[in-house]
Amino acid sequence: MYHWLRHGLFRLEPEKAHDLAMASLDVGARFNLLKTLYPPPQDCPVDCMGLRFKNPVGLAAGLDKDGDHIDALGSLGFGFIEVGTVTPKPQPGNDRPRMFRLASHGALINRMGFNNQGVDHLVENLKKRRYTGIVGTNVGKQKDTPIDQAASDYAICIEKVFDHCDYITINISSPNTKNLRALQDQGHLAELLSELVGVRNSLAEKHQTQRPMLIKIAPDWEEAALIQALETIGASGIDGLIATNTTLDRQAVKDHPLAHETGGLSGRPVTQASNHVLAMARQILGPEFPLVGVGGIASGADAAKKHQLGADLVQIYTGLIYEGPKLIKECVTAWPETR
């Protein structure tokens, strides 16, 4: 069924297709159709970061930036959902068009630019959700906030969402906010993590509850810089790592007429680079450090490979666009019992 639905959606401009798909999911959930069309996978519980996930397959940030569709997406059988990226104040993002399909490569290019309605809007949606699974919030900085003041933006968002979600992700790796990836540089990274871990600890004491905090990094690294960044992350006191965000590399799609479009490339072409970062993270951070693998998952075998390389959990986004909700069950079914 999704094959035919996708055929119709792909006739539309990508953002219009996205809005229509989300609206359709809301209707389907309201009338309890989604669980009929896509029966959820059997439970495959995973304990990670002090949380119990119903299954290890989550939705990556970016599909539901404002948390407007949490209940509908939860009906598809995800083990967890990550909303965002959200910023302290609303912002429109970059000019359209800003999303492009590279269907022959199972890929997307986006330069959305953290378009969202602001953290207060998201918090209201988190408060009223009925979905009982794990929900994480991905936070970022305002487009115009200087890098040396970025920590204050992250801190504002962390404080506001802390009591309304299950974990928080620090996004320093989107290529679509100017200079954001500079926060991955050694000096910036150590300083930012030190400050935000302090914010997390203060809030945990204030609320008398823990909220795991993760950091999401890019796949585009020189090897020495990657090793140094991972060592900094491991020593920072942060609770986990998401590997990875989208790539700027176009080598895998150089033959495609849209390859020149600026933005982050996701989907199958990012698989190799993402898997390399994941494997390096497991090697450097050790066997117990929580890792979430994302990037290029289009089949159950892809999810199982992430697990083999060290992922405790995985997330999907572009694969969901191309393969449909059946991908969730395929990934859960393929998940090995042990790493």
C-alpha atoms as a PDB file:
ATOM      1  CA  MET A   1       0.000   0.000   0.000  1.00  0.00           C
ATOM      2  CA  TYR A   2       2.735   2.453   0.885  1.00  0.00           C
ATOM      3  CA  HIS A   3       4.256   1.960  -2.580  1.00  0.00           C
ATOM      4  CA  TRP A   4       1.180   3.553  -4.131  1.00  0.00           C
ATOM      5  CA  LEU A   5       0.941   6.256  -1.489  1.00  0.00           C
ATOM      6  CA  ARG A   6       4.582   7.149  -2.018  1.00  0.00           C
ATOM      7  CA  HIS A   7       4.010   7.325  -5.775  1.00  0.00           C
ATOM      8  CA  GLY A   8       1.399  10.031  -5.182  1.00  0.00           C
ATOM      9  CA  LEU A   9       3.374  11.897  -2.535  1.00  0.00           C
ATOM     10  CA  PHE A  10       6.494  11.989  -4.701  1.00  0.00           C
ATOM     11  CA  ARG A  11       4.548  13.938  -7.317  1.00  0.00           C
ATOM     12  CA  LEU A  12       4.431  16.799  -4.820  1.00  0.00           C
ATOM     13  CA  GLU A  13       7.172  19.170  -3.743  1.00  0.00           C
ATOM     14  CA  PRO A  14       8.898  17.484  -0.759  1.00  0.00           C
ATOM     15  CA  GLU A  15       7.718  19.848   1.972  1.00  0.00           C
ATOM     16  CA  LYS A  16       4.129  19.748   0.696  1.00  0.00           C
ATOM     17  CA  ALA A  17       4.338  15.949   0.619  1.00  0.00           C
ATOM     18  CA  HIS A  18       5.645  15.972   4.180  1.00  0.00           C
ATOM     19  CA  ASP A  19       2.786  18.153   5.425  1.00  0.00           C
ATOM     20  CA  LEU A  20       0.206  15.977   3.661  1.00  0.00           C
ATOM     21  CA  ALA A  21       1.749  12.774   5.010  1.00  0.00           C
ATOM     22  CA  MET A  22       1.753  14.109   8.573  1.00  0.00           C
ATOM     23  CA  ALA A  23      -1.856  15.241   8.294  1.00  0.00           C
ATOM     24  CA  SER A  24      -2.813  11.823   6.937  1.00  0.00           C
ATOM     25  CA  LEU A  25      -1.046  10.105   9.820  1.00  0.00           C
ATOM     26  CA  ASP A  26      -2.983  12.232  12.296  1.00  0.00           C
ATOM     27  CA  VAL A  27      -6.272  11.198  10.693  1.00  0.00           C
ATOM     28  CA  GLY A  28      -5.225   7.550  10.584  1.00  0.00           C
ATOM     29  CA  ALA A  29      -4.294   7.609  14.266  1.00  0.00           C
ATOM     30  CA  ARG A  30      -7.510   9.361  15.233  1.00  0.00           C
ATOM     31  CA  PHE A  31      -9.567   6.563  13.700  1.00  0.00           C
ATOM     32  CA  ASN A  32      -7.190   3.828  14.904  1.00  0.00           C
ATOM     33  CA  LEU A  33      -6.311   2.836  11.326  1.00  0.00           C
ATOM     34  CA  LEU A  34      -2.535   2.888  11.621  1.00  0.00           C
ATOM     35  CA  LYS A  35      -2.270  -0.114  13.905  1.00  0.00           C
ATOM     36  CA  THR A  36      -4.555  -2.022  11.546  1.00  0.00           C
ATOM     37  CA  LEU A  37      -2.516  -1.151   8.465  1.00  0.00           C
ATOM     38  CA  TYR A  38       0.840  -1.492  10.219  1.00  0.00           C
ATOM     39  CA  PRO A  39       0.612  -3.865  13.204  1.00  0.00           C
ATOM     40  CA  PRO A  40       3.328  -2.920  15.691  1.00  0.00           C
ATOM     41  CA  PRO A  41       6.305  -5.218  16.101  1.00  0.00           C
ATOM     42  CA  GLN A  42       6.574  -7.565  19.039  1.00  0.00           C
ATOM     43  CA  ASP A  43       8.213  -6.020  22.061  1.00  0.00           C
ATOM     44  CA  CYS A  44      12.005  -6.141  21.975  1.00  0.00           C
ATOM     45  CA  PRO A  45      12.857  -4.191  25.129  1.00  0.00           C
ATOM     46  CA  VAL A  46      16.178  -2.432  25.502  1.00  0.00           C
ATOM     47  CA  ASP A  47      17.465  -0.887  28.728  1.00  0.00           C
ATOM     48  CA  CYS A  48      19.740   2.055  28.018  1.00  0.00           C
ATOM     49  CA  MET A  49      20.666   5.250  29.898  1.00  0.00           C
ATOM     50  CA  GLY A  50      18.366   4.254  32.743  1.00  0.00           C
ATOM     51  CA  LEU A  51      15.383   4.114  30.377  1.00  0.00           C
ATOM     52  CA  ARG A  52      13.440   1.119  29.083  1.00  0.00           C
ATOM     53  CA  PHE A  53      12.721   1.300  25.351  1.00  0.00           C
ATOM     54  CA  LYS A  54       9.891  -0.898  24.046  1.00  0.00           C
ATOM     55  CA  ASN A  55      12.087  -1.678  21.071  1.00  0.00           C
ATOM     56  CA  PRO A  56      15.419  -0.304  19.786  1.00  0.00           C
ATOM     57  CA  VAL A  57      14.081   1.459  16.667  1.00  0.00           C
ATOM     58  CA  GLY A  58      13.371   5.162  17.007  1.00  0.00           C
ATOM     59  CA  LEU A  59      12.406   8.103  14.837  1.00  0.00           C
ATOM     60  CA  ALA A  60      15.250  10.543  14.231  1.00  0.00           C
ATOM     61  CA  ALA A  61      14.809  14.246  14.851  1.00  0.00           C
ATOM     62  CA  GLY A  62      13.650  16.403  11.957  1.00  0.00           C
ATOM     63  CA  LEU A  63      10.438  14.704  10.871  1.00  0.00           C
ATOM     64  CA  ASP A  64       8.360  16.181  13.693  1.00  0.00           C
ATOM     65  CA  LYS A  65      10.222  19.334  14.631  1.00  0.00           C
ATOM     66  CA  ASP A  66       7.477  20.821  16.794  1.00  0.00           C
ATOM     67  CA  GLY A  67       6.011  17.687  18.357  1.00  0.00           C
ATOM     68  CA  ASP A  68       2.720  18.192  16.533  1.00  0.00           C
ATOM     69  CA  HIS A  69       2.402  14.516  15.540  1.00  0.00           C
ATOM     70  CA  ILE A  70       3.823  12.505  18.445  1.00  0.00           C
ATOM     71  CA  ASP A  71       0.726  10.377  19.012  1.00  0.00           C
ATOM     72  CA  ALA A  72       0.307   9.529  15.336  1.00  0.00           C
ATOM     73  CA  LEU A  73       3.958   8.621  14.870  1.00  0.00           C
ATOM     74  CA  GLY A  74       3.875   6.580  18.056  1.00  0.00           C
ATOM     75  CA  SER A  75       1.075   4.486  16.560  1.00  0.00           C
ATOM     76  CA  LEU A  76       3.480   3.198  13.898  1.00  0.00           C
ATOM     77  CA  GLY A  77       5.359   1.046  16.398  1.00  0.00           C
ATOM     78  CA  PHE A  78       8.483   3.075  17.170  1.00  0.00           C
ATOM     79  CA  GLY A  79      10.340   2.226  20.340  1.00  0.00           C
ATOM     80  CA  PHE A  80      11.037   5.920  20.834  1.00  0.00           C
ATOM     81  CA  ILE A  81      10.518   9.244  19.092  1.00  0.00           C
ATOM     82  CA  GLU A  82      12.857  12.219  18.957  1.00  0.00           C
ATOM     83  CA  VAL A  83      11.253  15.585  18.228  1.00  0.00           C
ATOM     84  CA  GLY A  84      13.000  18.809  17.193  1.00  0.00           C
ATOM     85  CA  THR A  85      15.377  20.358  16.478  1.00  0.00           C
ATOM     86  CA  VAL A  86      13.851  23.166  18.521  1.00  0.00           C
ATOM     87  CA  THR A  87      15.285  26.600  19.338  1.00  0.00           C
ATOM     88  CA  PRO A  88      14.452  29.109  22.112  1.00  0.00           C
ATOM     89  CA  LYS A  89      12.367  31.304  19.798  1.00  0.00           C
ATOM     90  CA  PRO A  90      10.425  30.495  16.611  1.00  0.00           C
ATOM     91  CA  GLN A  91      12.329  30.866  13.366  1.00  0.00           C
ATOM     92  CA  PRO A  92      11.311  30.251   9.739  1.00  0.00           C
ATOM     93  CA  GLY A  93      14.455  28.465   8.605  1.00  0.00           C
ATOM     94  CA  ASN A  94      16.041  28.898   5.206  1.00  0.00           C
ATOM     95  CA  ASP A  95      14.306  29.972   2.027  1.00  0.00           C
ATOM     96  CA  ARG A  96      12.424  27.423  -0.074  1.00  0.00           C
ATOM     97  CA  PRO A  97      13.052  25.192  -1.888  1.00  0.00           C
ATOM     98  CA  ARG A  98      15.141  23.590   0.829  1.00  0.00           C
ATOM     99  CA  MET A  99      14.510  19.857   0.487  1.00  0.00           C
ATOM    100  CA  PHE A 100      15.290  17.666  -2.516  1.00  0.00           C
ATOM    101  CA  ARG A 101      14.733  13.986  -3.306  1.00  0.00           C
ATOM    102  CA  LEU A 102      17.447  11.908  -4.932  1.00  0.00           C
ATOM    103  CA  ALA A 103      15.220   8.881  -5.406  1.00  0.00           C
ATOM    104  CA  SER A 104      17.695   6.865  -7.467  1.00  0.00           C
ATOM    105  CA  HIS A 105      20.039   6.977  -4.462  1.00  0.00           C
ATOM    106  CA  GLY A 106      17.415   6.575  -1.740  1.00  0.00           C
ATOM    107  CA  ALA A 107      18.525   9.953  -0.446  1.00  0.00           C
ATOM    108  CA  LEU A 108      17.434  13.457   0.521  1.00  0.00           C
ATOM    109  CA  ILE A 109      19.253  16.772   0.589  1.00  0.00           C
ATOM    110  CA  ASN A 110      17.876  19.310   3.037  1.00  0.00           C
ATOM    111  CA  ARG A 111      18.869  22.778   4.136  1.00  0.00           C
ATOM    112  CA  MET A 112      15.889  23.441   6.386  1.00  0.00           C
ATOM    113  CA  GLY A 113      17.804  25.581   8.884  1.00  0.00           C
ATOM    114  CA  PHE A 114      16.113  24.644  12.178  1.00  0.00           C
ATOM    115  CA  ASN A 115      12.688  25.879  11.112  1.00  0.00           C
ATOM    116  CA  ASN A 116      10.425  25.490  14.152  1.00  0.00           C
ATOM    117  CA  GLN A 117       7.794  27.227  16.242  1.00  0.00           C
ATOM    118  CA  GLY A 118       9.994  27.609  19.291  1.00  0.00           C
ATOM    119  CA  VAL A 119      10.501  25.620  22.459  1.00  0.00           C
ATOM    120  CA  ASP A 120       7.362  26.875  24.233  1.00  0.00           C
ATOM    121  CA  HIS A 121       5.160  25.472  21.451  1.00  0.00           C
ATOM    122  CA  LEU A 122       6.957  22.147  21.668  1.00  0.00           C
ATOM    123  CA  VAL A 123       6.576  21.983  25.444  1.00  0.00           C
ATOM    124  CA  GLU A 124       2.801  22.377  25.143  1.00  0.00           C
ATOM    125  CA  ASN A 125       2.726  19.442  22.715  1.00  0.00           C
ATOM    126  CA  LEU A 126       4.902  17.345  25.025  1.00  0.00           C
ATOM    127  CA  LYS A 127       2.520  18.057  27.899  1.00  0.00           C
ATOM    128  CA  LYS A 128      -0.585  16.895  26.037  1.00  0.00           C
ATOM    129  CA  ARG A 129       0.805  13.813  24.280  1.00  0.00           C
ATOM    130  CA  ARG A 130      -0.930  10.481  24.913  1.00  0.00           C
ATOM    131  CA  TYR A 131       1.914   8.368  23.531  1.00  0.00           C
ATOM    132  CA  THR A 132       3.436   6.496  26.461  1.00  0.00           C
ATOM    133  CA  GLY A 133       6.736   5.529  24.821  1.00  0.00           C
ATOM    134  CA  ILE A 134      10.087   7.249  25.198  1.00  0.00           C
ATOM    135  CA  VAL A 135      10.232  10.771  23.749  1.00  0.00           C
ATOM    136  CA  GLY A 136      13.468  12.702  23.332  1.00  0.00           C
ATOM    137  CA  THR A 137      13.885  16.379  22.492  1.00  0.00           C
ATOM    138  CA  ASN A 138      16.601  17.599  20.116  1.00  0.00           C
ATOM    139  CA  VAL A 139      17.719  21.162  20.874  1.00  0.00           C
ATOM    140  CA  GLY A 140      19.728  23.688  18.894  1.00  0.00           C
ATOM    141  CA  LYS A 141      20.808  27.288  18.788  1.00  0.00           C
ATOM    142  CA  GLN A 142      19.102  30.242  17.157  1.00  0.00           C
ATOM    143  CA  LYS A 143      20.386  31.036  13.665  1.00  0.00           C
ATOM    144  CA  ASP A 144      21.668  34.477  14.661  1.00  0.00           C
ATOM    145  CA  THR A 145      23.200  33.521  18.013  1.00  0.00           C
ATOM    146  CA  PRO A 146      27.002  33.795  17.896  1.00  0.00           C
ATOM    147  CA  ILE A 147      28.931  30.596  18.507  1.00  0.00           C
ATOM    148  CA  ASP A 148      30.458  31.941  21.712  1.00  0.00           C
ATOM    149  CA  GLN A 149      26.924  32.465  23.088  1.00  0.00           C
ATOM    150  CA  ALA A 150      25.455  29.180  21.827  1.00  0.00           C
ATOM    151  CA  ALA A 151      25.482  27.495  25.229  1.00  0.00           C
ATOM    152  CA  SER A 152      22.855  29.926  26.512  1.00  0.00           C
ATOM    153  CA  ASP A 153      20.433  28.907  23.742  1.00  0.00           C
ATOM    154  CA  TYR A 154      20.927  25.219  24.493  1.00  0.00           C
ATOM    155  CA  ALA A 155      20.517  25.889  28.222  1.00  0.00           C
ATOM    156  CA  ILE A 156      17.211  27.721  27.683  1.00  0.00           C
ATOM    157  CA  CYS A 157      15.807  24.795  25.727  1.00  0.00           C
ATOM    158  CA  ILE A 158      17.148  22.175  28.137  1.00  0.00           C
ATOM    159  CA  GLU A 159      15.575  23.931  31.118  1.00  0.00           C
ATOM    160  CA  LYS A 160      12.191  24.245  29.418  1.00  0.00           C
ATOM    161  CA  VAL A 161      11.922  20.665  28.134  1.00  0.00           C
ATOM    162  CA  PHE A 162      13.639  18.955  31.075  1.00  0.00           C
ATOM    163  CA  ASP A 163      10.483  18.029  32.960  1.00  0.00           C
ATOM    164  CA  HIS A 164       8.468  17.083  29.864  1.00  0.00           C
ATOM    165  CA  CYS A 165      10.519  14.530  27.915  1.00  0.00           C
ATOM    166  CA  ASP A 166      12.624  11.449  28.631  1.00  0.00           C
ATOM    167  CA  TYR A 167      15.989  12.499  27.203  1.00  0.00           C
ATOM    168  CA  ILE A 168      17.607  15.503  25.525  1.00  0.00           C
ATOM    169  CA  THR A 169      19.880  15.634  22.474  1.00  0.00           C
ATOM    170  CA  ILE A 170      22.345  18.467  21.844  1.00  0.00           C
ATOM    171  CA  ASN A 171      22.515  19.091  18.091  1.00  0.00           C
ATOM    172  CA  ILE A 172      25.866  20.590  17.110  1.00  0.00           C
ATOM    173  CA  SER A 173      26.101  18.858  13.740  1.00  0.00           C
ATOM    174  CA  SER A 174      23.462  20.211  11.386  1.00  0.00           C
ATOM    175  CA  PRO A 175      25.208  21.693   8.340  1.00  0.00           C
ATOM    176  CA  ASN A 176      22.336  24.112   7.752  1.00  0.00           C
ATOM    177  CA  THR A 177      22.927  26.649  10.531  1.00  0.00           C
ATOM    178  CA  LYS A 178      25.952  28.811   9.808  1.00  0.00           C
ATOM    179  CA  ASN A 179      29.037  27.916  11.860  1.00  0.00           C
ATOM    180  CA  LEU A 180      27.116  25.376  13.988  1.00  0.00           C
ATOM    181  CA  ARG A 181      29.596  22.590  13.263  1.00  0.00           C
ATOM    182  CA  ALA A 182      32.342  24.801  14.682  1.00  0.00           C
ATOM    183  CA  LEU A 183      30.992  23.641  18.054  1.00  0.00           C
ATOM    184  CA  GLN A 184      32.514  20.245  17.227  1.00  0.00           C
ATOM    185  CA  ASP A 185      35.992  21.801  17.288  1.00  0.00           C
ATOM    186  CA  GLN A 186      38.055  20.711  20.270  1.00  0.00           C
ATOM    187  CA  GLY A 187      38.006  23.909  22.322  1.00  0.00           C
ATOM    188  CA  HIS A 188      34.378  24.769  21.671  1.00  0.00           C
ATOM    189  CA  LEU A 189      33.251  21.188  22.279  1.00  0.00           C
ATOM    190  CA  ALA A 190      34.905  20.788  25.677  1.00  0.00           C
ATOM    191  CA  GLU A 191      33.626  24.153  26.879  1.00  0.00           C
ATOM    192  CA  LEU A 192      30.074  23.586  25.600  1.00  0.00           C
ATOM    193  CA  LEU A 193      29.767  20.110  27.090  1.00  0.00           C
ATOM    194  CA  SER A 194      31.154  21.251  30.433  1.00  0.00           C
ATOM    195  CA  GLU A 195      28.589  24.026  30.659  1.00  0.00           C
ATOM    196  CA  LEU A 196      25.629  21.900  29.522  1.00  0.00           C
ATOM    197  CA  VAL A 197      26.484  18.962  31.764  1.00  0.00           C
ATOM    198  CA  GLY A 198      26.455  21.489  34.593  1.00  0.00           C
ATOM    199  CA  VAL A 199      23.010  22.683  33.512  1.00  0.00           C
ATOM    200  CA  ARG A 200      21.772  19.087  33.392  1.00  0.00           C
ATOM    201  CA  ASN A 201      23.120  18.346  36.852  1.00  0.00           C
ATOM    202  CA  SER A 202      21.536  21.458  38.356  1.00  0.00           C
ATOM    203  CA  LEU A 203      18.171  20.632  36.821  1.00  0.00           C
ATOM    204  CA  ALA A 204      18.391  17.013  37.961  1.00  0.00           C
ATOM    205  CA  GLU A 205      18.917  18.215  41.521  1.00  0.00           C
ATOM    206  CA  LYS A 206      16.125  20.765  41.257  1.00  0.00           C
ATOM    207  CA  HIS A 207      13.584  18.302  39.804  1.00  0.00           C
ATOM    208  CA  GLN A 208      14.909  15.291  41.721  1.00  0.00           C
ATOM    209  CA  THR A 209      14.982  13.260  38.514  1.00  0.00           C
ATOM    210  CA  GLN A 210      17.509  12.321  35.867  1.00  0.00           C
ATOM    211  CA  ARG A 211      17.278  13.195  32.166  1.00  0.00           C
ATOM    212  CA  PRO A 212      19.937  11.567  29.984  1.00  0.00           C
ATOM    213  CA  MET A 213      21.641  14.060  27.682  1.00  0.00           C
ATOM    214  CA  LEU A 214      23.163  12.975  24.371  1.00  0.00           C
ATOM    215  CA  ILE A 215      25.160  14.753  21.706  1.00  0.00           C
ATOM    216  CA  LYS A 216      24.649  14.312  17.955  1.00  0.00           C
ATOM    217  CA  ILE A 217      27.709  14.612  15.731  1.00  0.00           C
ATOM    218  CA  ALA A 218      28.423  14.753  12.005  1.00  0.00           C
ATOM    219  CA  PRO A 219      29.845  12.012   9.766  1.00  0.00           C
ATOM    220  CA  ASP A 220      32.372  14.371   8.144  1.00  0.00           C
ATOM    221  CA  TRP A 221      35.660  14.176  10.075  1.00  0.00           C
ATOM    222  CA  GLU A 222      39.369  13.945   9.630  1.00  0.00           C
ATOM    223  CA  GLU A 223      40.384  10.853  11.576  1.00  0.00           C
ATOM    224  CA  ALA A 224      42.533  12.644  14.156  1.00  0.00           C
ATOM    225  CA  ALA A 225      39.829  15.226  14.835  1.00  0.00           C
ATOM    226  CA  LEU A 226      37.195  12.503  15.236  1.00  0.00           C
ATOM    227  CA  ILE A 227      39.305  10.623  17.759  1.00  0.00           C
ATOM    228  CA  GLN A 228      39.964  13.807  19.713  1.00  0.00           C
ATOM    229  CA  ALA A 229      36.267  14.746  19.714  1.00  0.00           C
ATOM    230  CA  LEU A 230      35.221  11.286  20.885  1.00  0.00           C
ATOM    231  CA  GLU A 231      37.748  11.387  23.698  1.00  0.00           C
ATOM    232  CA  THR A 232      36.377  14.782  24.755  1.00  0.00           C
ATOM    233  CA  ILE A 233      32.819  13.423  24.672  1.00  0.00           C
ATOM    234  CA  GLY A 234      33.812  10.393  26.715  1.00  0.00           C
ATOM    235  CA  ALA A 235      35.389  12.549  29.426  1.00  0.00           C
ATOM    236  CA  SER A 236      32.603  15.141  29.532  1.00  0.00           C
ATOM    237  CA  GLY A 237      30.008  13.376  31.665  1.00  0.00           C
ATOM    238  CA  ILE A 238      27.432  13.391  28.879  1.00  0.00           C
ATOM    239  CA  ASP A 239      25.187  10.311  28.783  1.00  0.00           C
ATOM    240  CA  GLY A 240      25.291   9.172  25.162  1.00  0.00           C
ATOM    241  CA  LEU A 241      26.154   9.835  21.523  1.00  0.00           C
ATOM    242  CA  ILE A 242      24.072   9.858  18.336  1.00  0.00           C
ATOM    243  CA  ALA A 243      26.093   8.989  15.239  1.00  0.00           C
ATOM    244  CA  THR A 244      25.422  10.636  12.866  1.00  0.00           C
ATOM    245  CA  ASN A 245      23.773  13.647  11.288  1.00  0.00           C
ATOM    246  CA  THR A 246      23.738  14.318   7.528  1.00  0.00           C
ATOM    247  CA  THR A 247      26.831  14.644   5.346  1.00  0.00           C
ATOM    248  CA  LEU A 248      28.199  17.409   3.136  1.00  0.00           C
ATOM    249  CA  ASP A 249      30.096  14.896   0.995  1.00  0.00           C
ATOM    250  CA  ARG A 250      28.633  14.466  -2.502  1.00  0.00           C
ATOM    251  CA  GLN A 251      30.940  11.777  -3.849  1.00  0.00           C
ATOM    252  CA  ALA A 252      28.272   9.058  -3.651  1.00  0.00           C
ATOM    253  CA  VAL A 253      25.739  11.150  -5.602  1.00  0.00           C
ATOM    254  CA  LYS A 254      28.061  13.113  -7.897  1.00  0.00           C
ATOM    255  CA  ASP A 255      26.223  11.802 -10.973  1.00  0.00           C
ATOM    256  CA  HIS A 256      22.850  13.126  -9.808  1.00  0.00           C
ATOM    257  CA  PRO A 257      21.535  16.434 -11.250  1.00  0.00           C
ATOM    258  CA  LEU A 258      20.658  17.665  -7.743  1.00  0.00           C
ATOM    259  CA  ALA A 259      24.058  16.878  -6.248  1.00  0.00           C
ATOM    260  CA  HIS A 260      25.022  20.564  -6.411  1.00  0.00           C
ATOM    261  CA  GLU A 261      22.257  21.611  -4.005  1.00  0.00           C
ATOM    262  CA  THR A 262      23.629  22.808  -0.691  1.00  0.00           C
ATOM    263  CA  GLY A 263      22.559  21.139   2.533  1.00  0.00           C
ATOM    264  CA  GLY A 264      22.902  17.855   4.344  1.00  0.00           C
ATOM    265  CA  LEU A 265      22.706  14.586   2.429  1.00  0.00           C
ATOM    266  CA  SER A 266      20.890  11.725   4.167  1.00  0.00           C
ATOM    267  CA  GLY A 267      19.849   8.203   3.266  1.00  0.00           C
ATOM    268  CA  ARG A 268      21.839   5.389   1.696  1.00  0.00           C
ATOM    269  CA  PRO A 269      24.839   7.556   0.610  1.00  0.00           C
ATOM    270  CA  VAL A 270      25.709   8.414   4.226  1.00  0.00           C
ATOM    271  CA  THR A 271      25.794   4.785   5.401  1.00  0.00           C
ATOM    272  CA  GLN A 272      29.527   4.149   5.104  1.00  0.00           C
ATOM    273  CA  ALA A 273      30.642   7.375   6.785  1.00  0.00           C
ATOM    274  CA  SER A 274      28.041   7.066   9.528  1.00  0.00           C
ATOM    275  CA  ASN A 275      28.994   3.465  10.233  1.00  0.00           C
ATOM    276  CA  HIS A 276      32.660   4.434  10.440  1.00  0.00           C
ATOM    277  CA  VAL A 277      31.959   7.096  13.065  1.00  0.00           C
ATOM    278  CA  LEU A 278      29.775   4.646  14.978  1.00  0.00           C
ATOM    279  CA  ALA A 279      32.475   1.959  14.980  1.00  0.00           C
ATOM    280  CA  MET A 280      35.131   4.465  16.074  1.00  0.00           C
ATOM    281  CA  ALA A 281      32.846   5.685  18.849  1.00  0.00           C
ATOM    282  CA  ARG A 282      32.416   2.192  20.215  1.00  0.00           C
ATOM    283  CA  GLN A 283      36.158   1.569  20.039  1.00  0.00           C
ATOM    284  CA  ILE A 284      37.106   4.778  21.820  1.00  0.00           C
ATOM    285  CA  LEU A 285      34.219   5.178  24.250  1.00  0.00           C
ATOM    286  CA  GLY A 286      34.211   1.560  25.383  1.00  0.00           C
ATOM    287  CA  PRO A 287      31.564  -1.152  25.643  1.00  0.00           C
ATOM    288  CA  GLU A 288      29.217   0.561  28.095  1.00  0.00           C
ATOM    289  CA  PHE A 289      28.844   4.042  26.625  1.00  0.00           C
ATOM    290  CA  PRO A 290      25.332   4.447  25.098  1.00  0.00           C
ATOM    291  CA  LEU A 291      25.388   4.840  21.315  1.00  0.00           C
ATOM    292  CA  VAL A 292      22.532   5.529  18.906  1.00  0.00           C
ATOM    293  CA  GLY A 293      23.198   4.662  15.264  1.00  0.00           C
ATOM    294  CA  VAL A 294      21.496   6.675  12.540  1.00  0.00           C
ATOM    295  CA  GLY A 295      22.249   7.242   8.879  1.00  0.00           C
ATOM    296  CA  GLY A 296      21.430   5.107   5.867  1.00  0.00           C
ATOM    297  CA  ILE A 297      19.086   2.550   7.438  1.00  0.00           C
ATOM    298  CA  ALA A 298      16.820   1.286   4.652  1.00  0.00           C
ATOM    299  CA  SER A 299      16.391  -2.356   5.716  1.00  0.00           C
ATOM    300  CA  GLY A 300      16.463  -4.637   8.702  1.00  0.00           C
ATOM    301  CA  ALA A 301      19.954  -5.710   7.689  1.00  0.00           C
ATOM    302  CA  ASP A 302      21.121  -2.089   7.879  1.00  0.00           C
ATOM    303  CA  ALA A 303      19.809  -1.811  11.449  1.00  0.00           C
ATOM    304  CA  ALA A 304      21.439  -5.097  12.426  1.00  0.00           C
ATOM    305  CA  LYS A 305      24.738  -3.833  11.010  1.00  0.00           C
ATOM    306  CA  LYS A 306      24.537  -0.741  13.204  1.00  0.00           C
ATOM    307  CA  HIS A 307      24.008  -3.022  16.192  1.00  0.00           C
ATOM    308  CA  GLN A 308      26.978  -5.144  15.178  1.00  0.00           C
ATOM    309  CA  LEU A 309      29.146  -2.014  15.030  1.00  0.00           C
ATOM    310  CA  GLY A 310      28.117  -0.992  18.524  1.00  0.00           C
ATOM    311  CA  ALA A 311      24.729   0.741  18.472  1.00  0.00           C
ATOM    312  CA  ASP A 312      22.490   0.168  21.482  1.00  0.00           C
ATOM    313  CA  LEU A 313      19.607   1.847  19.637  1.00  0.00           C
ATOM    314  CA  VAL A 314      18.980   3.075  16.095  1.00  0.00           C
ATOM    315  CA  GLN A 315      16.951   5.827  14.478  1.00  0.00           C
ATOM    316  CA  ILE A 316      15.431   6.135  11.013  1.00  0.00           C
ATOM    317  CA  TYR A 317      14.166   9.045   8.925  1.00  0.00           C
ATOM    318  CA  THR A 318      15.028   9.013   5.210  1.00  0.00           C
ATOM    319  CA  GLY A 319      14.562   5.240   5.033  1.00  0.00           C
ATOM    320  CA  LEU A 320      11.055   5.722   6.420  1.00  0.00           C
ATOM    321  CA  ILE A 321      10.278   8.148   3.594  1.00  0.00           C
ATOM    322  CA  TYR A 322      11.356   5.647   0.943  1.00  0.00           C
ATOM    323  CA  GLU A 323      10.347   2.335   2.519  1.00  0.00           C
ATOM    324  CA  GLY A 324       7.325   3.285   4.595  1.00  0.00           C
ATOM    325  CA  PRO A 325       6.284   2.229   8.114  1.00  0.00           C
ATOM    326  CA  LYS A 326       6.996  -1.447   7.415  1.00  0.00           C
ATOM    327  CA  LEU A 327      10.669  -0.563   7.868  1.00  0.00           C
ATOM    328  CA  ILE A 328      10.135  -0.184  11.620  1.00  0.00           C
ATOM    329  CA  LYS A 329       8.994  -3.781  12.047  1.00  0.00           C
ATOM    330  CA  GLU A 330      11.710  -5.044   9.691  1.00  0.00           C
ATOM    331  CA  CYS A 331      14.391  -3.383  11.794  1.00  0.00           C
ATOM    332  CA  VAL A 332      12.990  -4.672  15.085  1.00  0.00           C
ATOM    333  CA  THR A 333      12.661  -8.185  13.681  1.00  0.00           C
ATOM    334  CA  ALA A 334      16.270  -8.135  12.416  1.00  0.00           C
ATOM    335  CA  TRP A 335      17.690  -6.847  15.707  1.00  0.00           C
ATOM    336  CA  PRO A 336      20.159  -9.372  17.183  1.00  0.00           C
ATOM    337  CA  GLU A 337      19.705 -10.428  20.796  1.00  0.00           C
ATOM    338  CA  THR A 338      23.294  -9.574  21.683  1.00  0.00           C
ATOM    339  CA  ARG A 339      25.910  -7.237  20.270  1.00  0.00           C
END
